[in-house]
Amino acid sequence: MNLHLEKCNPRMEVRDLFCDIQDGKILMALLEELSGCKLVRIISVDFLNHITSSVPMND
C-alpha cells in the first residue's frame, strides 16, 4: 500500500491502517493511484459539522 501512496503528491504513508484510512483521504488517494483516474471528492455533512463545531463563532 505504501509503495503506491509514496507516488502521490503530497507523499502519503500508512502507519496504522485503521486510524490512517478513517477519514477517507488516504483511501481516496490509493484508489486514484491504483485506477489512474481522478476521483470526485464530496464534502460530507459530518465533515462540515466538525468544522463548524470546532471554529468559534463571533457574535
C-alpha atoms as a PDB file:
ATOM      1  CA  MET A   1       0.000   0.000   0.000  1.00  0.00           C
ATOM      2  CA  ASN A   2       2.743   2.463   0.964  1.00  0.00           C
ATOM      3  CA  LEU A   3       4.578   1.752  -2.315  1.00  0.00           C
ATOM      4  CA  HIS A   4       1.592   3.186  -4.188  1.00  0.00           C
ATOM      5  CA  LEU A   5       0.997   6.047  -1.749  1.00  0.00           C
ATOM      6  CA  GLU A   6       4.558   7.353  -1.998  1.00  0.00           C
ATOM      7  CA  LYS A   7       3.812   8.200  -5.655  1.00  0.00           C
ATOM      8  CA  CYS A   8       1.086  10.639  -4.545  1.00  0.00           C
ATOM      9  CA  ASN A   9       1.634  14.364  -4.307  1.00  0.00           C
ATOM     10  CA  PRO A  10       1.926  15.091  -1.393  1.00  0.00           C
ATOM     11  CA  ARG A  11       3.504  11.777  -0.444  1.00  0.00           C
ATOM     12  CA  MET A  12       1.395   9.737   1.975  1.00  0.00           C
ATOM     13  CA  GLU A  13       2.222   6.860   4.295  1.00  0.00           C
ATOM     14  CA  VAL A  14       0.095   4.449   6.312  1.00  0.00           C
ATOM     15  CA  ARG A  15       1.444   3.537   9.737  1.00  0.00           C
ATOM     16  CA  ASP A  16      -1.759   2.365  11.430  1.00  0.00           C
ATOM     17  CA  LEU A  17      -4.216   1.030   8.867  1.00  0.00           C
ATOM     18  CA  PHE A  18      -7.408   1.597  10.850  1.00  0.00           C
ATOM     19  CA  CYS A  19      -6.528   5.102  12.070  1.00  0.00           C
ATOM     20  CA  ASP A  20      -4.923   6.396   8.880  1.00  0.00           C
ATOM     21  CA  ILE A  21      -7.738   5.497   6.481  1.00  0.00           C
ATOM     22  CA  GLN A  22     -10.511   6.579   8.847  1.00  0.00           C
ATOM     23  CA  ASP A  23     -11.181   9.973   7.244  1.00  0.00           C
ATOM     24  CA  GLY A  24     -11.010   8.578   3.693  1.00  0.00           C
ATOM     25  CA  LYS A  25      -8.264  10.857   2.330  1.00  0.00           C
ATOM     26  CA  ILE A  26      -5.603   8.162   2.103  1.00  0.00           C
ATOM     27  CA  LEU A  27      -8.098   5.615   0.815  1.00  0.00           C
ATOM     28  CA  MET A  28      -9.188   8.049  -1.900  1.00  0.00           C
ATOM     29  CA  ALA A  29      -5.556   8.717  -2.867  1.00  0.00           C
ATOM     30  CA  LEU A  30      -4.848   4.978  -3.021  1.00  0.00           C
ATOM     31  CA  LEU A  31      -7.882   4.356  -5.240  1.00  0.00           C
ATOM     32  CA  GLU A  32      -6.810   7.191  -7.549  1.00  0.00           C
ATOM     33  CA  GLU A  33      -3.286   5.794  -7.784  1.00  0.00           C
ATOM     34  CA  LEU A  34      -4.447   2.237  -8.487  1.00  0.00           C
ATOM     35  CA  SER A  35      -7.116   3.219 -11.020  1.00  0.00           C
ATOM     36  CA  GLY A  36      -5.209   6.025 -12.707  1.00  0.00           C
ATOM     37  CA  CYS A  37      -8.370   8.162 -12.572  1.00  0.00           C
ATOM     38  CA  LYS A  38      -9.048  11.344 -10.642  1.00  0.00           C
ATOM     39  CA  LEU A  39     -11.991  10.730  -8.310  1.00  0.00           C
ATOM     40  CA  VAL A  40     -14.581  13.347  -7.387  1.00  0.00           C
ATOM     41  CA  ARG A  41     -14.333  14.484  -3.783  1.00  0.00           C
ATOM     42  CA  ILE A  42     -17.596  15.153  -1.977  1.00  0.00           C
ATOM     43  CA  ILE A  43     -17.629  17.088   1.287  1.00  0.00           C
ATOM     44  CA  SER A  44     -19.839  15.255   3.732  1.00  0.00           C
ATOM     45  CA  VAL A  45     -22.288  16.864   6.118  1.00  0.00           C
ATOM     46  CA  ASP A  46     -20.401  15.319   9.046  1.00  0.00           C
ATOM     47  CA  PHE A  47     -17.186  16.973   7.858  1.00  0.00           C
ATOM     48  CA  LEU A  48     -18.896  20.362   7.717  1.00  0.00           C
ATOM     49  CA  ASN A  49     -20.400  19.811  11.179  1.00  0.00           C
ATOM     50  CA  HIS A  50     -16.955  19.078  12.597  1.00  0.00           C
ATOM     51  CA  ILE A  51     -15.619  22.303  11.100  1.00  0.00           C
ATOM     52  CA  THR A  52     -18.477  24.467  12.357  1.00  0.00           C
ATOM     53  CA  SER A  53     -18.315  22.995  15.861  1.00  0.00           C
ATOM     54  CA  SER A  54     -14.552  23.500  16.119  1.00  0.00           C
ATOM     55  CA  VAL A  55     -14.479  27.101  14.858  1.00  0.00           C
ATOM     56  CA  PRO A  56     -15.808  29.595  17.411  1.00  0.00           C
ATOM     57  CA  MET A  57     -18.434  31.962  16.070  1.00  0.00           C
ATOM     58  CA  ASN A  58     -18.083  35.696  16.671  1.00  0.00           C
ATOM     59  CA  ASP A  59     -21.378  37.039  17.955  1.00  0.00           C
END
